[in-house]
Protein backbone atom coordinates (compact mmCIF):
# COMPACT_ATOMS: atom_id res chain seq x y z
CA MET A 1 175.56 252.53 145.11
CA HIS A 2 172.86 254.87 144.75
CA ARG A 3 174.29 255.88 140.97
CA VAL A 4 175.30 252.16 140.38
CA TRP A 5 171.61 251.35 141.23
CA ALA A 6 170.30 254.35 138.99
CA LEU A 7 172.29 252.94 136.10
CA VAL A 8 170.71 249.38 136.69
CA GLU A 9 167.27 250.86 136.81
CA ARG A 10 168.08 252.90 133.60
CA GLU A 11 169.42 249.63 131.61
CA LEU A 12 166.31 247.54 132.88
CA ARG A 13 163.92 250.60 131.71
CA ARG A 14 165.30 250.53 128.43
CA PHE A 15 165.12 246.65 127.91
CA ARG A 16 161.40 246.64 129.36
CA ARG A 17 160.52 249.31 126.77
CA ASN A 18 161.71 246.98 123.83
CA PRO A 19 159.32 243.92 123.98
CA LEU A 20 161.15 242.43 120.96
CA LEU A 21 164.58 241.99 122.80
CA ILE A 22 162.65 240.40 125.79
CA VAL A 23 161.08 237.77 123.30
CA VAL A 24 164.19 237.17 121.58
CA THR A 25 165.80 236.56 124.61
CA ILE A 26 163.59 233.84 125.38
CA VAL A 27 162.67 232.59 121.99
CA GLY A 28 166.39 232.37 121.30
CA PRO A 29 167.83 229.75 123.73
CA LEU A 30 164.77 227.51 122.66
CA LEU A 31 165.10 227.80 118.78
CA GLN A 32 169.10 226.64 119.30
CA LEU A 33 167.89 223.81 121.17
CA VAL A 34 165.36 222.43 119.08
CA VAL A 35 167.30 223.43 115.89
CA LEU A 36 170.68 221.89 117.21
CA GLY A 37 168.62 219.08 118.74
CA TYR A 38 167.38 217.76 115.33
CA ALA A 39 170.30 219.01 113.26
CA TYR A 40 172.65 216.37 115.22
CA GLY A 41 172.08 212.80 114.67
CA GLY A 42 168.31 211.20 113.56
CA ASN A 43 167.98 208.62 110.95
CA LEU A 44 168.65 208.77 107.64
CA GLN A 45 165.49 208.56 105.52
CA ASP A 46 164.67 208.64 101.82
CA LEU A 47 168.41 208.41 100.36
CA ARG A 48 167.94 207.94 96.89
CA VAL A 49 169.90 204.70 95.16
CA ALA A 50 170.21 204.07 91.79
CA LEU A 51 169.66 200.33 90.93
CA VAL A 52 171.37 198.98 87.80
CA ASP A 53 170.22 195.52 86.76
CA HIS A 54 172.78 193.95 83.79
CA ASP A 55 171.23 190.15 84.75
CA HIS A 56 167.68 190.27 84.67
CA GLY A 57 167.28 186.60 85.79
CA VAL A 58 165.39 185.26 88.19
CA SER A 59 167.75 185.63 91.56
CA ALA A 60 168.25 189.47 90.00
CA VAL A 61 164.88 189.92 90.32
CA ARG A 62 164.53 188.28 93.98
CA LEU A 63 167.27 190.61 94.88
CA ARG A 64 165.10 193.60 93.71
CA ALA A 65 161.80 192.74 95.11
CA LEU A 66 163.95 192.72 98.63
CA THR A 67 165.22 195.79 97.96
CA ASN A 68 162.30 197.12 97.25
CA ALA A 69 160.28 195.87 100.21
CA VAL A 70 163.33 197.00 102.46
CA ALA A 71 162.77 200.45 100.93
CA ALA A 72 159.08 200.46 100.93
CA ASN A 73 159.30 199.64 104.98
CA ALA A 74 161.95 200.77 106.61
CA ARG A 75 161.98 204.01 104.19
CA THR A 76 165.93 204.53 104.56
CA PHE A 77 166.42 204.60 100.64
CA VAL A 78 164.34 204.73 97.52
CA THR A 79 165.37 202.42 94.56
CA LEU A 80 165.48 204.56 91.30
CA PRO A 81 165.85 202.09 87.96
CA TYR A 82 168.65 203.08 85.70
CA ALA A 83 169.55 201.37 82.34
CA ASP A 84 172.75 202.96 82.03
CA GLU A 85 175.28 202.82 84.27
CA GLY A 86 177.19 205.48 83.06
CA GLY A 87 174.38 207.68 83.59
CA ALA A 88 173.61 206.39 87.28
CA LEU A 89 177.53 207.21 88.12
CA ALA A 90 177.31 210.77 86.46
CA ASP A 91 174.07 211.29 88.71
CA LEU A 92 176.20 209.97 91.72
CA ARG A 93 178.72 212.35 91.11
CA SER A 94 176.72 215.42 90.72
CA GLY A 95 174.89 214.58 93.74
CA LYS A 96 171.53 213.65 91.92
CA VAL A 97 171.65 210.05 93.75
CA ASP A 98 172.91 209.15 97.16
CA GLY A 99 174.73 205.45 95.80
CA VAL A 100 174.42 203.17 92.77
CA ILE A 101 173.87 199.10 93.50
CA THR A 102 175.18 197.16 90.23
CA ILE A 103 173.73 193.76 89.81
CA PRO A 104 176.45 192.31 86.97
CA PRO A 105 175.91 189.95 84.35
CA GLY A 106 175.51 186.47 85.19
CA PHE A 107 174.43 187.21 88.74
CA SER A 108 171.83 184.30 88.60
CA ARG A 109 174.05 181.80 87.20
CA ARG A 110 176.54 182.36 89.63
CA VAL A 111 173.92 182.35 92.47
CA LEU A 112 172.42 179.34 91.20
CA ALA A 113 176.07 177.63 90.40
CA LYS A 114 177.10 178.70 93.82
CA GLU A 115 180.06 180.88 92.22
CA ASP A 116 180.74 183.65 94.90
CA PRO A 117 178.01 185.65 93.19
CA ARG A 118 178.50 189.38 93.65
CA VAL A 119 176.77 193.00 93.50
CA ALA A 120 178.16 196.31 93.73
CA LEU A 121 177.26 199.15 95.84
CA ILE A 122 179.24 202.39 94.70
CA GLN A 123 178.81 205.16 97.12
CA ASN A 124 179.59 208.93 97.59
CA ASN A 125 182.33 208.72 100.46
CA THR A 126 182.57 212.64 100.58
CA ASP A 127 179.22 212.48 103.09
CA ARG A 128 180.32 209.51 105.55
CA PHE A 129 177.08 209.87 107.19
CA VAL A 130 175.32 208.82 104.07
CA ALA A 131 177.79 206.33 102.98
CA GLY A 132 177.96 204.72 106.44
CA THR A 133 174.14 204.11 106.38
CA LEU A 134 174.06 202.95 102.78
CA GLY A 135 176.60 200.26 103.46
CA ASN A 136 175.07 199.13 107.03
CA THR A 137 171.58 198.93 105.37
CA PHE A 138 172.94 196.93 101.76
CA SER A 139 175.53 194.89 104.26
CA ALA A 140 172.23 193.94 105.97
CA LEU A 141 169.91 193.08 103.01
CA VAL A 142 172.44 190.85 101.25
CA ALA A 143 172.78 188.67 104.80
CA ALA A 144 168.96 188.61 104.62
CA PHE A 145 169.06 187.92 100.62
CA ASP A 146 171.64 184.54 101.76
CA ALA A 147 169.70 183.41 104.62
CA PRO A 148 168.02 180.52 102.93
CA ARG A 149 171.04 179.12 101.20
CA ALA A 150 173.24 177.56 103.82
CA SER A 151 176.53 176.07 102.14
CA THR A 152 179.56 174.14 103.37
CA LYS A 153 181.29 174.48 100.11
CA ARG A 154 184.70 176.11 99.93
CA VAL A 155 183.51 178.51 97.52
CA SER A 156 181.18 180.62 98.92
CA ASP A 157 177.77 180.33 97.22
CA LYS A 158 176.20 183.42 98.97
CA VAL A 159 176.19 186.74 97.85
CA THR A 160 178.96 189.35 98.18
CA LEU A 161 178.30 193.10 98.65
CA ASP A 162 181.86 194.84 97.15
CA VAL A 163 181.41 198.38 98.55
CA VAL A 164 182.88 200.71 96.02
CA GLU A 165 183.78 204.35 96.90
CA LEU A 166 183.76 206.83 94.12
CA PHE A 167 186.13 209.10 95.74
CA PRO A 168 189.28 208.87 97.69
CA TYR A 169 189.15 209.27 101.52
CA VAL A 170 187.39 212.49 102.47
CA PRO A 171 188.51 213.71 105.94
CA TYR A 172 185.69 215.84 107.92
CA ILE A 173 187.42 218.78 108.03
CA GLN A 174 186.59 218.81 104.07
CA TYR A 175 183.11 217.95 104.52
CA LEU A 176 182.71 220.99 106.92
CA LEU A 177 184.85 223.41 104.84
CA PRO A 178 181.73 224.36 102.71
CA GLY A 179 179.89 225.38 105.71
CA SER A 180 182.60 227.29 107.41
CA VAL A 181 183.16 229.17 104.07
CA VAL A 182 179.44 230.19 103.95
CA LEU A 183 179.37 231.21 107.47
CA ALA A 184 182.25 233.20 106.94
CA ILE A 185 180.30 234.96 104.51
CA PHE A 186 177.20 235.48 106.34
CA THR A 187 179.67 236.85 108.99
CA MET A 188 180.81 239.23 107.06
CA VAL A 189 177.62 240.45 105.88
CA MET A 190 176.20 241.06 109.36
CA ILE A 191 179.58 243.03 110.40
CA GLY A 192 180.12 244.71 107.22
CA GLY A 193 176.47 245.17 105.68
CA ALA A 194 173.60 244.90 108.39
CA PHE A 195 175.68 246.31 111.83
CA SER A 196 176.89 249.07 109.80
CA PHE A 197 173.72 249.91 107.95
CA ILE A 198 171.75 250.08 111.22
CA ASP A 199 174.92 251.73 112.76
CA ASP A 200 174.87 254.75 110.41
CA LYS A 201 170.77 255.41 110.53
CA SER A 202 170.98 255.27 114.51
CA ARG A 203 173.96 257.97 114.28
CA GLY A 204 172.01 260.12 111.47
CA LEU A 205 174.44 259.74 109.10
CA HIS A 206 171.72 257.89 106.96
CA GLU A 207 170.03 261.10 106.32
CA GLY A 208 171.99 262.40 103.94
CA TYR A 209 171.18 259.92 101.28
CA LEU A 210 167.29 261.16 101.95
CA VAL A 211 167.84 264.30 100.28
CA THR A 212 169.42 263.07 97.05
CA PRO A 213 167.89 262.14 94.01
CA VAL A 214 168.73 258.42 94.18
CA THR A 215 165.72 256.03 94.19
CA ARG A 216 165.04 253.25 96.95
CA LEU A 217 166.00 250.27 94.48
CA GLU A 218 169.38 252.17 94.02
CA LEU A 219 170.12 252.81 97.75
CA VAL A 220 169.35 249.05 98.30
CA ALA A 221 171.20 247.92 95.30
CA GLY A 222 174.46 249.77 96.52
CA PHE A 223 174.48 248.98 99.82
CA ASN A 224 173.90 245.19 98.75
CA ILE A 225 176.97 245.39 96.46
CA SER A 226 179.12 247.15 98.57
CA GLY A 227 178.48 244.59 101.24
CA ALA A 228 178.47 241.80 98.59
CA ILE A 229 182.06 243.05 97.94
CA LYS A 230 183.22 242.50 101.71
CA ALA A 231 181.57 239.34 102.28
CA PHE A 232 183.00 238.05 98.75
CA ILE A 233 186.58 238.60 99.84
CA ALA A 234 186.25 237.00 103.47
CA GLY A 235 184.75 234.37 101.55
CA MET A 236 187.39 233.47 99.00
CA GLY A 237 190.00 234.19 101.48
CA LEU A 238 188.56 231.25 103.64
CA THR A 239 188.00 229.05 100.88
CA VAL A 240 191.56 229.37 99.74
CA VAL A 241 193.26 229.20 103.38
CA GLY A 242 190.32 226.49 104.22
CA SER A 243 191.39 224.16 100.96
CA MET A 244 195.06 224.30 101.91
CA LEU A 245 194.49 223.55 105.59
CA ALA A 246 191.87 220.84 104.88
CA GLY A 247 194.10 219.46 102.28
CA ILE A 248 191.92 219.88 99.29
CA PRO A 249 193.42 218.83 96.16
CA HIS A 250 194.79 221.48 93.26
CA PRO A 251 193.92 224.55 95.83
CA PHE A 252 194.73 226.80 93.27
CA ALA A 253 193.64 225.06 89.87
CA PRO A 254 192.50 228.32 87.74
CA VAL A 255 189.18 227.01 86.42
CA ARG A 256 188.04 225.75 89.61
CA LEU A 257 188.81 229.05 91.17
CA LEU A 258 186.91 231.06 88.84
CA GLU A 259 184.01 228.64 89.38
CA LEU A 260 184.17 229.16 92.99
CA ALA A 261 184.53 232.68 92.72
CA LEU A 262 181.20 232.74 91.21
CA VAL A 263 179.61 230.32 94.10
CA VAL A 264 180.97 232.82 96.38
CA ALA A 265 179.89 235.86 94.76
CA MET A 266 176.29 234.63 94.13
CA THR A 267 175.99 233.36 97.57
CA ALA A 268 177.53 236.60 99.08
CA LEU A 269 174.66 238.74 97.04
CA ALA A 270 171.98 236.09 98.22
CA LEU A 271 172.87 236.66 102.04
CA VAL A 272 173.67 240.28 101.82
CA SER A 273 169.94 240.89 100.01
CA LEU A 274 168.29 238.50 102.89
CA MET A 275 169.88 240.90 105.69
CA PHE A 276 168.63 244.22 104.32
CA MET A 277 165.23 242.80 103.18
CA LEU A 278 164.98 241.80 106.95
CA MET A 279 166.46 245.15 108.26
CA ALA A 280 165.19 247.57 106.10
CA ARG A 281 162.61 248.85 108.64
CA VAL A 282 165.12 248.34 111.75
CA SER A 283 166.58 251.16 113.55
CA ASP A 284 167.59 249.95 116.84
CA PRO A 285 171.21 248.81 116.51
CA MET A 286 170.72 246.03 119.24
CA ILE A 287 168.21 244.32 116.96
CA PRO A 288 170.86 242.98 114.43
CA ARG A 289 173.17 242.03 116.98
CA ILE A 290 170.83 239.76 118.88
CA ALA A 291 169.31 238.51 115.25
CA SER A 292 172.60 237.40 113.82
CA GLY A 293 173.25 234.59 116.74
CA LEU A 294 169.34 233.66 116.21
CA LEU A 295 169.57 233.57 112.27
CA SER A 296 173.30 231.75 112.07
CA THR A 297 171.69 229.09 114.03
CA LEU A 298 168.45 228.90 111.95
CA LEU A 299 170.14 229.23 108.59
CA PHE A 300 173.61 227.47 108.99
CA PHE A 301 172.41 224.13 110.97
CA PRO A 302 169.46 223.10 108.92
CA SER A 303 171.48 223.63 105.61
CA GLY A 304 173.53 220.21 105.82
CA ALA A 305 176.83 221.55 106.72
CA VAL A 306 177.32 219.29 109.15
CA TYR A 307 174.80 216.66 108.73
CA PRO A 308 172.90 215.65 106.13
CA THR A 309 169.51 217.06 105.58
CA GLN A 310 167.93 213.21 105.57
CA ALA A 311 167.90 212.73 108.85
CA PHE A 312 165.73 216.07 109.49
CA PRO A 313 162.29 215.79 110.70
CA PRO A 314 160.02 217.15 107.98
CA TRP A 315 159.56 220.73 109.23
CA MET A 316 163.07 220.89 109.39
CA ARG A 317 162.87 219.57 105.71
CA VAL A 318 160.96 222.54 104.73
CA ILE A 319 163.57 225.20 106.42
CA ALA A 320 166.33 223.59 104.51
CA ALA A 321 164.33 223.86 101.00
CA VAL A 322 164.05 227.80 101.53
CA ASP A 323 167.41 228.09 103.10
CA PRO A 324 170.13 229.83 100.78
CA PHE A 325 172.53 228.38 103.02
CA THR A 326 171.49 224.85 101.45
CA TYR A 327 172.52 225.71 98.05
CA ALA A 328 175.37 227.27 98.75
CA VAL A 329 176.69 224.42 100.89
CA HIS A 330 175.58 221.96 97.98
CA ALA A 331 177.58 223.71 95.50
CA LEU A 332 180.62 224.68 97.42
CA ARG A 333 180.86 221.16 98.51
CA ALA A 334 180.33 219.75 94.96
CA LEU A 335 183.43 222.05 93.94
CA LEU A 336 185.96 221.71 96.65
CA VAL A 337 185.35 217.89 97.45
CA GLN A 338 183.22 216.32 94.51
CA GLY A 339 185.01 218.12 91.70
CA VAL A 340 182.22 218.42 89.30
CA GLY A 341 181.27 221.06 87.02
CA LEU A 342 179.30 224.34 86.83
CA ARG A 343 176.54 222.17 85.06
CA ALA A 344 175.97 219.84 87.83
CA LEU A 345 175.38 223.33 90.14
CA ALA A 346 173.01 225.13 87.54
CA GLY A 347 170.00 224.42 89.91
CA ASP A 348 172.16 225.97 92.86
CA LEU A 349 173.02 229.06 91.24
CA ALA A 350 169.86 229.69 89.71
CA VAL A 351 168.13 229.60 93.09
CA LEU A 352 170.65 231.45 94.60
CA ALA A 353 170.00 234.18 91.83
CA ALA A 354 166.08 233.99 92.33
CA PHE A 355 166.60 234.53 96.02
CA SER A 356 169.29 237.66 95.42
CA ALA A 357 166.64 239.10 93.19
CA PHE A 358 163.10 238.59 95.40
CA SER A 359 165.31 239.95 98.47
CA MET A 360 166.64 242.75 96.60
CA ILE A 361 163.02 243.64 95.27
CA ALA A 362 161.59 243.00 98.75
CA ALA A 363 163.96 245.28 100.54
CA ALA A 364 163.37 248.42 98.25
CA ALA A 365 159.71 247.88 98.99
CA LEU A 366 160.40 248.15 102.53
CA PHE A 367 162.83 250.49 102.63
CA ARG A 368 161.45 254.27 103.69
CA ARG A 369 162.91 257.43 102.62
CA THR A 370 161.86 259.07 105.72
CA LEU A 371 163.68 259.97 108.92
């Protein structure tokens, strides 16, 4: 037992000499508790709803006023007026809005004549949380619109909400697939990039690079590209296999595979650049292993991979806005589930490219050519 306690004392001394490990050990569970507690559940707010009024009659104006009043008070959604239904549907398909309310021509006449008036709610059913919230909210709104007018006629004089789903039924496994792909890329970035880089430094293998004329930026770029290639292979493999398991239509469509390859490559480069920026000054091989769990929690769950970001508190929305996972998940979901083209993903790809360039430059600046 004396030898056993000597080993225990040695490990405890190592742990005490590294205060960062102690802090991370304590902060880690608290961070997971807070992030996971707010990432799952919560009331959706500020959903963007396009409102297309083809009628402009008295009843249509009253319905629009009621919609704006609900939007101003409940804050569940905000209305965006559209003159063209085609433009509204295009923005719904590309993810710029979350739903479209259409008031058809002759709506006010049908209300006054009590001839079964109807309005349509067109929604992106790939996100069941948003679709369910909008459906319930506008069903209650239409019921409130109908409340003052009671009728005993066979033909209903009440306004009816027709819910139109833009896409076929989307199972939750398809909704989760983009987040799983990004998480696989991140895992390979940590294992094949950060872990191996720090292990080489701790074993002294890294010293061979220090006597070469290679610049710091070239060293970082080489590490990033090699790590991105490994992550790209993992991400594309999971994308293809996951698409077949999740039932994504036409998983081997050549054009979409090329588009997915571009998004996966940009995601891999962004995440591996982030890792090298964070690990440029790290030499203890235990740090990246501990940080991987914290980073996966901090990056994955606020990205909207498992629950819409509109339900997050303001501070978590800030994390989502600067999180590269957010833009990668949105781009992959648009390609895999919604079937949009690269034009709708230009913003996501631009953010990932800018994030990669910034992280790589910062990593080169932090990298030290010293033993």
